[in-house]
Amino acid sequence: MIELSNKSKKQIHFVGICGTAMGSVASALKTQGHEVTGSDENVYPPMSTFLEEQGIEITRGYSEENLPKDADLIVIGNAISRGNPEAEAALDNKLLYQSLPETMKHFVLRGRRNLVVTGTHGKTTTTSILAWLLEYAKKKPSYMIGGIARNFGRGASFNDSEFTVLEGDEYDTAFFDKRSKFLHYLPEAVIINNIEFDHADIYDNLDQIKLSFQRLLNIVPRKGLALVNGDDKNCLDVAKKAPIPSTKIGFDPSNDIVINEVEYSGNSSRFNLNETTYEVPMSGEFNVRNAAMAVTVAKFSGIPVPLIQEGLKAFLGIARRQEVRGIVNDITVIDDFAHHPTALAQAITALKKQYQGSKLWAVFEPRSNTTRRAIFQNDLVRGLMDADEVLVSSIENSKGLSEDEMLNVSLLTKEIAYQGSHARECQNVAEIVDIISKEAQPGDVIGIFSNGGFDGIHEKLLEKLRSCQP
């Protein structure tokens, strides 16, 4: 059995190398002096270009012949399942294989100050803010973010910094490891933004999700920080069972750290944390909470308050988080990643506050493994009903779900309409684009909500609106 450390040169092969995190870790290991190769079905820029620039050989497609004969380790990505020829060859030949999180733990995270951001909502924003605050303070952190932070222009980077900032996902690690990814991240500090039911393809109920977060708090060291949302009952339940005291942060005065004196002004928000004032160039209560979490961990990491205040003001946001994709004929088209009912409700509330007096359209694609199911049939009504116009796309990919298991989009739109909004089911993107281009008026705001590409709806809609200009 080989010793897994970065002390000696290894031959490492990545199966599914072109994922953002996979490619970034592969590059870090190459920098450490290891021989790195990889394969993927989807080999295209910018990741393919980035890896080639690092001198990493990439093979398009999967084949047993891609595995180096003298490979010390096979890293198998989360998207890889049984039946993949390289994964099957690793099993058949009894090769040493690991998931990406395990590989990160052994080669990248051990001995570092790892700051892990978790929760059902707000992970990407909070991770991006925290990483930027450390970067602004010239700590040059490694980071792994589930989105593109505009201050960095990329989602992941690993170097020899003392600090690593990680978006911690409760989703499973690999086909051979059903533990949550974040359990591999060796956290010194953990943020739990909130806990709700999600990932219905992995978890049967909320208690299973809470157990996973409980296990995460079980590995925070005694001198570490467990920072939890003190306004969230599920977070409090998990914190009660933790082996170390948790620090509670929130709007309620009973919290250890209290968020108060909140003021919203256009695209920015001001707030106090225990009498110290901060300003973040984002709107909405949930973004204030995200920023407060990041500020608290930055202080724990030794960043002076004045630098945190300056850095927070200089935060540029994240792609696909209330991102304006274009304005045509005074109709604003906004892209947002929100797909969970709570995130939808929060995003719609923030947009209504930011664009007061405007008619707000909510265009929603039920695409995730959970929102395609009937589990959120009623919750999605509450998530979408505050928009003035609601368009929900039909579910194209049932992935083996029975009719009873699937979200009933027709019923959803009827129930939203019953609550007072105008709601319609649309068969495809072409129908959505046609409706909006004919009915939207100058001053309207179009919020498009999906955790995927949504068939390029943003550019298709903007192009159609341009063609309709007088």
Protein backbone atom coordinates (compact mmCIF):
# COMPACT_ATOMS: atom_id res chain seq x y z
CA MET A 1 0.00 0.00 0.00
CA ILE A 2 1.45 3.38 -0.98
CA GLU A 3 1.79 6.22 1.49
CA LEU A 4 -0.68 8.94 0.53
CA SER A 5 1.16 12.18 0.99
CA ASN A 6 2.59 14.88 -1.21
CA LYS A 7 6.15 14.07 -0.05
CA SER A 8 6.94 11.79 -2.99
CA LYS A 9 6.04 11.87 -6.65
CA LYS A 10 2.92 9.89 -7.62
CA GLN A 11 1.23 8.96 -10.89
CA ILE A 12 -2.38 10.12 -10.52
CA HIS A 13 -5.20 9.76 -13.04
CA PHE A 14 -8.48 11.73 -12.82
CA VAL A 15 -11.64 10.15 -14.23
CA GLY A 16 -13.89 13.09 -15.11
CA ILE A 17 -11.10 15.67 -14.94
CA CYS A 18 -12.88 18.59 -16.59
CA GLY A 19 -15.19 19.39 -13.70
CA THR A 20 -14.30 22.70 -12.03
CA ALA A 21 -13.13 21.15 -8.76
CA MET A 22 -11.56 18.07 -10.38
CA GLY A 23 -9.51 20.17 -12.78
CA SER A 24 -8.41 22.60 -10.09
CA VAL A 25 -7.24 19.81 -7.76
CA ALA A 26 -5.49 18.08 -10.67
CA SER A 27 -3.62 21.32 -11.35
CA ALA A 28 -2.65 21.65 -7.68
CA LEU A 29 -1.24 18.11 -7.62
CA LYS A 30 0.68 18.78 -10.83
CA THR A 31 2.18 21.85 -9.14
CA GLN A 32 3.22 19.65 -6.21
CA GLY A 33 5.30 17.60 -8.63
CA HIS A 34 3.03 14.62 -9.27
CA GLU A 35 2.45 13.10 -12.71
CA VAL A 36 -1.16 13.86 -13.57
CA THR A 37 -3.36 12.64 -16.42
CA GLY A 38 -7.10 12.64 -16.92
CA SER A 39 -10.05 11.79 -19.11
CA ASP A 40 -13.53 13.17 -19.68
CA GLU A 41 -16.40 12.96 -22.13
CA ASN A 42 -16.84 16.73 -22.09
CA VAL A 43 -13.48 18.24 -23.00
CA TYR A 44 -13.93 21.91 -23.86
CA PRO A 45 -12.66 25.36 -22.82
CA PRO A 46 -12.07 26.97 -20.46
CA MET A 47 -11.13 23.93 -18.34
CA SER A 48 -9.51 21.97 -21.17
CA THR A 49 -7.35 24.99 -22.06
CA PHE A 50 -6.45 25.55 -18.42
CA LEU A 51 -5.35 21.93 -17.95
CA GLU A 52 -3.34 21.91 -21.17
CA GLU A 53 -1.55 25.05 -20.01
CA GLN A 54 -0.63 23.15 -16.83
CA GLY A 55 0.94 20.40 -18.94
CA ILE A 56 -1.76 17.85 -18.03
CA GLU A 57 -2.57 15.28 -20.71
CA ILE A 58 -6.32 14.86 -21.26
CA THR A 59 -7.99 12.02 -23.17
CA ARG A 60 -11.42 12.58 -24.67
CA GLY A 61 -13.82 9.79 -23.73
CA TYR A 62 -13.45 6.91 -21.27
CA SER A 63 -11.54 3.68 -21.89
CA GLU A 64 -9.67 1.14 -19.78
CA GLU A 65 -6.59 1.93 -21.92
CA ASN A 66 -6.58 5.49 -20.54
CA LEU A 67 -5.41 4.30 -17.12
CA PRO A 68 -1.61 4.61 -16.81
CA LYS A 69 -0.01 1.22 -16.24
CA ASP A 70 1.96 2.54 -13.29
CA ALA A 71 -0.84 4.63 -11.74
CA ASP A 72 -0.51 5.06 -7.97
CA LEU A 73 -4.01 6.53 -7.57
CA ILE A 74 -7.22 6.81 -9.60
CA VAL A 75 -9.41 9.78 -8.65
CA ILE A 76 -13.04 9.07 -9.56
CA GLY A 77 -15.33 12.07 -9.90
CA ASN A 78 -18.79 12.40 -8.37
CA ALA A 79 -20.43 12.31 -11.81
CA ILE A 80 -18.93 8.88 -12.57
CA SER A 81 -21.12 5.83 -11.99
CA ARG A 82 -20.80 2.06 -12.25
CA GLY A 83 -20.44 1.03 -15.87
CA ASN A 84 -17.83 3.67 -16.63
CA PRO A 85 -15.01 1.62 -18.25
CA GLU A 86 -12.25 3.33 -16.26
CA ALA A 87 -14.05 2.91 -12.94
CA GLU A 88 -14.75 -0.73 -13.79
CA ALA A 89 -11.08 -1.29 -14.68
CA ALA A 90 -9.99 0.24 -11.36
CA LEU A 91 -12.27 -2.21 -9.55
CA ASP A 92 -11.32 -5.23 -11.66
CA ASN A 93 -7.59 -4.65 -11.26
CA LYS A 94 -7.80 -3.77 -7.57
CA LEU A 95 -6.19 -0.37 -8.13
CA LEU A 96 -6.11 2.27 -5.42
CA TYR A 97 -8.99 4.66 -6.11
CA GLN A 98 -10.45 7.57 -4.19
CA SER A 99 -13.12 10.22 -4.49
CA LEU A 100 -12.15 13.83 -5.09
CA PRO A 101 -12.88 14.88 -1.47
CA GLU A 102 -10.69 12.04 -0.14
CA THR A 103 -7.90 13.10 -2.49
CA MET A 104 -8.23 16.70 -1.35
CA LYS A 105 -8.01 15.60 2.27
CA HIS A 106 -4.78 13.65 1.75
CA PHE A 107 -2.94 15.92 -0.67
CA VAL A 108 -4.34 19.44 -0.21
CA LEU A 109 -6.18 19.99 3.08
CA ARG A 110 -4.18 18.23 5.75
CA GLY A 111 -2.37 20.73 7.96
CA ARG A 112 -4.27 23.74 6.55
CA ARG A 113 -6.77 26.08 8.17
CA ASN A 114 -9.87 24.84 6.37
CA LEU A 115 -12.96 27.07 6.54
CA VAL A 116 -16.04 25.13 5.41
CA VAL A 117 -19.33 26.82 4.47
CA THR A 118 -22.45 24.64 4.51
CA GLY A 119 -26.24 24.84 4.55
CA THR A 120 -29.17 24.34 2.22
CA HIS A 121 -29.06 27.92 0.93
CA GLY A 122 -26.45 30.64 0.62
CA LYS A 123 -23.35 28.42 0.46
CA THR A 124 -21.96 29.85 -2.75
CA THR A 125 -22.48 33.47 -1.77
CA THR A 126 -21.06 33.02 1.73
CA THR A 127 -18.05 31.03 0.49
CA SER A 128 -17.32 33.66 -2.17
CA ILE A 129 -17.49 36.53 0.33
CA LEU A 130 -15.27 34.71 2.85
CA ALA A 131 -12.67 33.76 0.24
CA TRP A 132 -12.63 37.34 -1.04
CA LEU A 133 -12.18 38.81 2.46
CA LEU A 134 -9.10 36.64 2.94
CA GLU A 135 -7.84 37.52 -0.53
CA TYR A 136 -8.37 41.24 0.15
CA ALA A 137 -6.32 40.81 3.34
CA LYS A 138 -3.51 39.33 1.17
CA LYS A 139 -3.83 35.82 2.63
CA LYS A 140 -4.10 34.36 -0.91
CA PRO A 141 -6.43 31.52 0.14
CA SER A 142 -7.08 28.34 -1.76
CA TYR A 143 -10.79 28.06 -2.45
CA MET A 144 -13.47 25.83 -3.93
CA ILE A 145 -16.76 27.55 -4.73
CA GLY A 146 -19.86 26.10 -6.38
CA GLY A 147 -20.12 29.08 -8.72
CA ILE A 148 -18.01 31.81 -10.32
CA ALA A 149 -17.14 34.60 -7.87
CA ARG A 150 -16.58 37.74 -9.93
CA ASN A 151 -13.69 38.85 -7.74
CA PHE A 152 -11.83 35.69 -8.80
CA GLY A 153 -13.24 34.88 -12.24
CA ARG A 154 -13.17 31.16 -11.50
CA GLY A 155 -14.66 28.64 -9.10
CA ALA A 156 -11.62 26.93 -7.60
CA SER A 157 -7.92 27.43 -7.03
CA PHE A 158 -5.49 25.52 -4.81
CA ASN A 159 -2.08 26.80 -3.73
CA ASP A 160 0.20 26.55 -0.70
CA SER A 161 -1.73 29.10 1.38
CA GLU A 162 -2.35 28.61 5.08
CA PHE A 163 -6.09 28.98 4.40
CA THR A 164 -8.54 26.98 2.31
CA VAL A 165 -12.14 28.15 1.92
CA LEU A 166 -14.52 25.40 0.84
CA GLU A 167 -18.16 25.29 -0.13
CA GLY A 168 -19.25 22.18 1.76
CA ASP A 169 -21.91 20.13 0.03
CA GLU A 170 -24.08 17.64 1.91
CA TYR A 171 -24.52 15.68 -1.33
CA ASP A 172 -22.87 12.25 -1.43
CA THR A 173 -19.19 11.87 -2.25
CA ALA A 174 -19.06 9.19 -4.97
CA PHE A 175 -20.85 6.05 -6.13
CA PHE A 176 -18.72 4.11 -3.62
CA ASP A 177 -18.96 6.62 -0.75
CA LYS A 178 -22.40 7.86 0.26
CA ARG A 179 -21.17 10.13 3.03
CA SER A 180 -21.55 13.88 2.53
CA LYS A 181 -18.63 15.50 0.75
CA PHE A 182 -18.02 17.97 3.57
CA LEU A 183 -17.09 15.18 6.00
CA HIS A 184 -13.73 14.89 4.22
CA TYR A 185 -12.73 18.55 4.51
CA LEU A 186 -10.91 18.61 7.89
CA PRO A 187 -12.65 21.80 9.04
CA GLU A 188 -11.19 24.24 11.52
CA ALA A 189 -14.27 26.42 11.16
CA VAL A 190 -17.74 25.44 9.96
CA ILE A 191 -20.61 27.69 8.94
CA ILE A 192 -24.12 26.22 8.87
CA ASN A 193 -26.30 28.82 7.15
CA ASN A 194 -29.57 26.88 7.44
CA ILE A 195 -30.91 23.34 7.17
CA GLU A 196 -33.94 22.27 5.14
CA PHE A 197 -34.96 19.16 3.27
CA ASP A 198 -33.29 18.82 -0.12
CA HIS A 199 -31.59 16.20 -2.34
CA ALA A 200 -34.54 13.84 -2.36
CA ASP A 201 -32.54 11.42 -4.51
CA ILE A 202 -30.07 10.98 -1.62
CA TYR A 203 -32.05 11.57 1.59
CA ASP A 204 -35.41 10.16 2.63
CA ASN A 205 -36.22 12.83 5.19
CA LEU A 206 -34.98 15.88 7.08
CA ASP A 207 -33.67 13.83 10.00
CA GLN A 208 -31.15 12.12 7.71
CA ILE A 209 -29.88 15.51 6.55
CA LYS A 210 -29.60 16.77 10.12
CA LEU A 211 -27.61 13.66 11.03
CA SER A 212 -25.09 14.48 8.29
CA PHE A 213 -24.64 18.02 9.65
CA GLN A 214 -24.33 16.55 13.14
CA ARG A 215 -21.46 14.39 11.92
CA LEU A 216 -19.81 17.47 10.46
CA LEU A 217 -19.88 19.30 13.79
CA ASN A 218 -18.46 16.17 15.42
CA ILE A 219 -15.13 16.75 13.64
CA VAL A 220 -14.65 20.46 14.40
CA PRO A 221 -11.61 20.72 16.73
CA ARG A 222 -11.84 22.12 20.25
CA LYS A 223 -10.13 25.37 19.24
CA GLY A 224 -12.19 25.64 16.08
CA LEU A 225 -15.41 27.51 15.36
CA ALA A 226 -18.90 26.10 14.78
CA LEU A 227 -20.99 29.06 13.57
CA VAL A 228 -24.69 28.31 13.16
CA ASN A 229 -27.81 30.22 12.20
CA GLY A 230 -29.40 30.84 15.58
CA ASP A 231 -32.72 31.77 13.96
CA ASP A 232 -33.06 28.32 12.35
CA LYS A 233 -34.61 25.59 14.51
CA ASN A 234 -32.94 22.78 12.59
CA CYS A 235 -29.51 24.38 13.04
CA LEU A 236 -30.19 24.74 16.77
CA ASP A 237 -31.22 21.08 17.00
CA VAL A 238 -27.96 20.01 15.37
CA ALA A 239 -25.88 22.38 17.49
CA LYS A 240 -27.32 21.00 20.74
CA LYS A 241 -25.67 17.63 20.08
CA ALA A 242 -22.28 19.00 19.02
CA PRO A 243 -19.23 18.06 21.14
CA ILE A 244 -18.02 21.68 21.16
CA PRO A 245 -19.99 24.87 21.93
CA SER A 246 -21.54 26.53 18.90
CA THR A 247 -21.61 30.26 18.25
CA LYS A 248 -25.10 31.38 17.25
CA ILE A 249 -25.59 34.28 14.88
CA GLY A 250 -28.85 35.84 13.69
CA PHE A 251 -31.40 38.61 13.99
CA ASP A 252 -32.95 37.42 17.24
CA PRO A 253 -31.50 39.23 20.30
CA SER A 254 -30.92 35.84 21.99
CA ASN A 255 -28.04 35.05 19.58
CA ASP A 256 -24.38 35.27 20.60
CA ILE A 257 -23.77 37.59 17.64
CA VAL A 258 -26.74 39.77 16.74
CA ILE A 259 -27.41 41.21 13.28
CA ASN A 260 -29.26 44.50 13.68
CA GLU A 261 -29.66 48.07 12.39
CA VAL A 262 -30.20 46.72 8.88
CA GLU A 263 -30.69 49.27 6.09
CA TYR A 264 -31.35 48.49 2.42
CA SER A 265 -30.46 51.00 -0.29
CA GLY A 266 -30.73 49.98 -3.94
CA ASN A 267 -28.15 47.26 -4.54
CA SER A 268 -26.48 47.47 -1.13
CA SER A 269 -27.24 46.65 2.50
CA ARG A 270 -25.81 48.02 5.75
CA PHE A 271 -25.93 46.14 9.03
CA ASN A 272 -24.39 45.99 12.46
CA LEU A 273 -22.75 43.04 14.15
CA ASN A 274 -22.52 43.74 17.87
CA GLU A 275 -22.23 47.51 17.22
CA THR A 276 -19.77 47.29 14.30
CA THR A 277 -21.17 48.49 10.95
CA TYR A 278 -20.60 46.68 7.66
CA GLU A 279 -21.87 47.28 4.13
CA VAL A 280 -22.25 44.69 1.38
CA PRO A 281 -23.13 45.59 -2.24
CA MET A 282 -26.01 43.11 -2.33
CA SER A 283 -29.66 43.40 -1.35
CA GLY A 284 -31.93 41.15 0.68
CA GLU A 285 -32.05 39.79 4.20
CA PHE A 286 -30.51 36.47 3.17
CA ASN A 287 -27.48 38.25 1.71
CA VAL A 288 -27.05 40.21 4.93
CA ARG A 289 -27.00 36.92 6.83
CA ASN A 290 -24.53 35.43 4.34
CA ALA A 291 -22.24 38.43 4.73
CA ALA A 292 -22.51 38.34 8.53
CA MET A 293 -21.47 34.69 8.56
CA ALA A 294 -18.47 35.39 6.34
CA VAL A 295 -17.43 38.44 8.39
CA THR A 296 -17.49 36.41 11.61
CA VAL A 297 -15.26 33.66 10.22
CA ALA A 298 -12.91 36.23 8.71
CA LYS A 299 -12.51 37.77 12.18
CA PHE A 300 -11.91 34.28 13.62
CA SER A 301 -9.18 33.85 11.00
CA GLY A 302 -7.38 36.95 12.26
CA ILE A 303 -8.41 39.50 9.64
CA PRO A 304 -8.61 43.03 11.15
CA VAL A 305 -12.08 44.61 11.16
CA PRO A 306 -11.11 47.63 9.00
CA LEU A 307 -9.85 45.28 6.27
CA ILE A 308 -13.04 43.23 6.49
CA GLN A 309 -15.14 46.38 6.13
CA GLU A 310 -13.14 47.52 3.08
CA GLY A 311 -13.13 44.08 1.50
CA LEU A 312 -16.86 43.59 1.94
CA LYS A 313 -17.60 46.83 0.11
CA ALA A 314 -15.38 45.64 -2.75
CA PHE A 315 -17.19 42.32 -3.19
CA LEU A 316 -18.46 41.98 -6.77
CA GLY A 317 -20.98 39.17 -6.36
CA ILE A 318 -21.40 35.80 -8.05
CA ALA A 319 -22.44 34.82 -11.53
CA ARG A 320 -26.02 33.53 -11.64
CA ARG A 321 -27.02 35.20 -8.35
CA GLN A 322 -29.44 37.99 -9.29
CA GLU A 323 -27.25 38.59 -12.33
CA VAL A 324 -28.59 41.07 -14.86
CA ARG A 325 -28.12 39.40 -18.23
CA GLY A 326 -29.45 42.31 -20.26
CA ILE A 327 -31.90 45.20 -20.53
CA VAL A 328 -33.89 45.63 -23.73
CA ASN A 329 -36.60 48.26 -24.17
CA ASP A 330 -36.42 48.85 -20.38
CA ILE A 331 -37.23 45.16 -19.76
CA THR A 332 -34.64 43.69 -17.38
CA VAL A 333 -33.70 40.00 -17.70
CA ILE A 334 -32.16 38.50 -14.55
CA ASP A 335 -30.56 35.08 -14.07
CA ASP A 336 -30.68 33.40 -10.65
CA PHE A 337 -29.65 29.92 -9.53
CA ALA A 338 -32.51 29.60 -7.02
CA HIS A 339 -34.40 26.31 -7.27
CA HIS A 340 -35.35 25.33 -3.70
CA PRO A 341 -38.72 26.84 -2.59
CA THR A 342 -37.11 28.88 0.20
CA ALA A 343 -34.40 30.24 -2.09
CA LEU A 344 -37.04 31.14 -4.68
CA ALA A 345 -39.10 33.04 -2.11
CA GLN A 346 -36.00 34.89 -0.84
CA ALA A 347 -34.85 35.81 -4.34
CA ILE A 348 -38.31 37.05 -5.36
CA THR A 349 -38.58 39.13 -2.17
CA ALA A 350 -35.16 40.68 -2.82
CA LEU A 351 -36.01 41.50 -6.45
CA LYS A 352 -39.33 43.08 -5.48
CA LYS A 353 -37.50 45.24 -2.94
CA GLN A 354 -34.77 46.17 -5.42
CA TYR A 355 -37.20 46.90 -8.27
CA GLN A 356 -40.04 48.49 -6.34
CA GLY A 357 -43.00 49.37 -8.51
CA SER A 358 -41.95 47.06 -11.35
CA LYS A 359 -43.95 44.08 -12.53
CA LEU A 360 -41.96 40.96 -11.64
CA TRP A 361 -42.07 37.81 -13.76
CA ALA A 362 -40.80 34.55 -12.26
CA VAL A 363 -39.77 31.95 -14.85
CA PHE A 364 -38.98 28.65 -13.15
CA GLU A 365 -37.49 25.39 -14.45
CA PRO A 366 -38.13 22.43 -12.09
CA ARG A 367 -34.90 20.66 -12.96
CA SER A 368 -33.19 19.39 -9.80
CA ASN A 369 -33.69 15.86 -8.50
CA THR A 370 -35.87 17.29 -5.73
CA THR A 371 -37.97 19.90 -7.55
CA ARG A 372 -38.95 17.37 -10.22
CA ARG A 373 -40.60 15.39 -7.44
CA ALA A 374 -43.95 16.03 -5.76
CA ILE A 375 -42.20 16.58 -2.41
CA PHE A 376 -42.28 20.37 -2.89
CA GLN A 377 -45.73 20.53 -4.54
CA ASN A 378 -47.10 22.89 -1.87
CA ASP A 379 -43.82 24.58 -0.95
CA LEU A 380 -43.24 25.74 -4.52
CA VAL A 381 -46.59 27.54 -4.41
CA ARG A 382 -45.32 29.58 -1.46
CA GLY A 383 -41.95 30.03 -3.14
CA LEU A 384 -43.35 31.53 -6.35
CA MET A 385 -46.67 33.13 -5.46
CA ASP A 386 -45.32 36.62 -4.66
CA ALA A 387 -44.27 37.22 -8.27
CA ASP A 388 -46.79 39.05 -10.45
CA GLU A 389 -46.47 36.65 -13.38
CA VAL A 390 -45.30 33.04 -13.06
CA LEU A 391 -44.25 30.78 -15.93
CA VAL A 392 -43.23 27.20 -15.05
CA SER A 393 -41.72 24.90 -17.66
CA SER A 394 -42.99 21.36 -18.04
CA ILE A 395 -40.76 18.55 -16.80
CA GLU A 396 -39.01 16.97 -19.77
CA ASN A 397 -36.85 14.43 -17.96
CA SER A 398 -38.79 12.21 -15.55
CA LYS A 399 -35.75 9.89 -15.04
CA GLY A 400 -37.90 6.91 -14.16
CA LEU A 401 -40.24 8.72 -11.76
CA SER A 402 -43.85 7.56 -11.77
CA GLU A 403 -46.62 10.07 -12.41
CA ASP A 404 -47.50 10.09 -8.71
CA GLU A 405 -43.89 10.83 -7.75
CA MET A 406 -43.50 13.75 -10.15
CA LEU A 407 -44.26 17.39 -9.52
CA ASN A 408 -47.65 18.25 -11.04
CA VAL A 409 -46.80 21.48 -12.87
CA SER A 410 -50.38 22.05 -14.02
CA LEU A 411 -51.66 21.83 -10.44
CA LEU A 412 -48.80 24.03 -9.24
CA THR A 413 -49.69 26.87 -11.59
CA LYS A 414 -53.39 26.58 -10.73
CA GLU A 415 -52.63 26.84 -7.01
CA ILE A 416 -50.35 29.85 -7.57
CA ALA A 417 -53.13 31.52 -9.58
CA TYR A 418 -55.53 30.80 -6.72
CA GLN A 419 -53.21 32.83 -4.48
CA GLY A 420 -53.60 35.86 -6.74
CA SER A 421 -50.72 35.71 -9.22
CA HIS A 422 -51.11 35.01 -12.92
CA ALA A 423 -49.46 31.61 -13.49
CA ARG A 424 -49.09 29.36 -16.52
CA GLU A 425 -47.43 26.09 -17.44
CA CYS A 426 -45.25 26.26 -20.57
CA GLN A 427 -44.20 23.29 -22.66
CA ASN A 428 -40.77 24.60 -23.64
CA VAL A 429 -38.44 27.60 -23.76
CA ALA A 430 -39.81 28.71 -27.12
CA GLU A 431 -43.29 29.12 -25.61
CA ILE A 432 -41.88 31.06 -22.63
CA VAL A 433 -39.93 33.40 -24.91
CA ASP A 434 -42.98 33.94 -27.10
CA ILE A 435 -45.23 34.83 -24.14
CA ILE A 436 -42.78 37.27 -22.58
CA SER A 437 -41.87 38.96 -25.85
CA LYS A 438 -45.57 39.60 -26.56
CA GLU A 439 -46.74 40.56 -23.08
CA ALA A 440 -43.85 42.16 -21.18
CA GLN A 441 -43.90 45.95 -20.98
CA PRO A 442 -41.14 48.55 -20.42
CA GLY A 443 -40.24 48.55 -16.74
CA ASP A 444 -40.93 44.84 -16.24
CA VAL A 445 -38.36 42.60 -14.57
CA ILE A 446 -37.96 38.99 -15.75
CA GLY A 447 -36.45 36.70 -13.12
CA ILE A 448 -35.31 33.37 -14.57
CA PHE A 449 -34.73 30.67 -11.96
CA SER A 450 -32.93 27.40 -12.72
CA ASN A 451 -29.96 25.36 -11.52
CA GLY A 452 -29.07 24.51 -15.12
CA GLY A 453 -28.66 26.14 -18.51
CA PHE A 454 -32.44 26.19 -19.17
CA ASP A 455 -31.85 25.64 -22.91
CA GLY A 456 -30.13 29.03 -23.31
CA ILE A 457 -33.31 30.91 -22.41
CA HIS A 458 -31.56 34.12 -21.39
CA GLU A 459 -29.95 34.88 -24.75
CA LYS A 460 -32.97 33.56 -26.67
CA LEU A 461 -35.24 35.92 -24.74
CA LEU A 462 -32.93 38.92 -25.12
CA GLU A 463 -32.57 38.26 -28.85
CA LYS A 464 -36.35 38.05 -29.26
CA LEU A 465 -36.87 41.25 -27.29
CA ARG A 466 -34.32 43.04 -29.46
CA SER A 467 -36.14 41.88 -32.58
CA CYS A 468 -39.37 43.27 -31.18
CA GLN A 469 -37.95 46.75 -30.48
CA PRO A 470 -39.83 49.53 -32.24
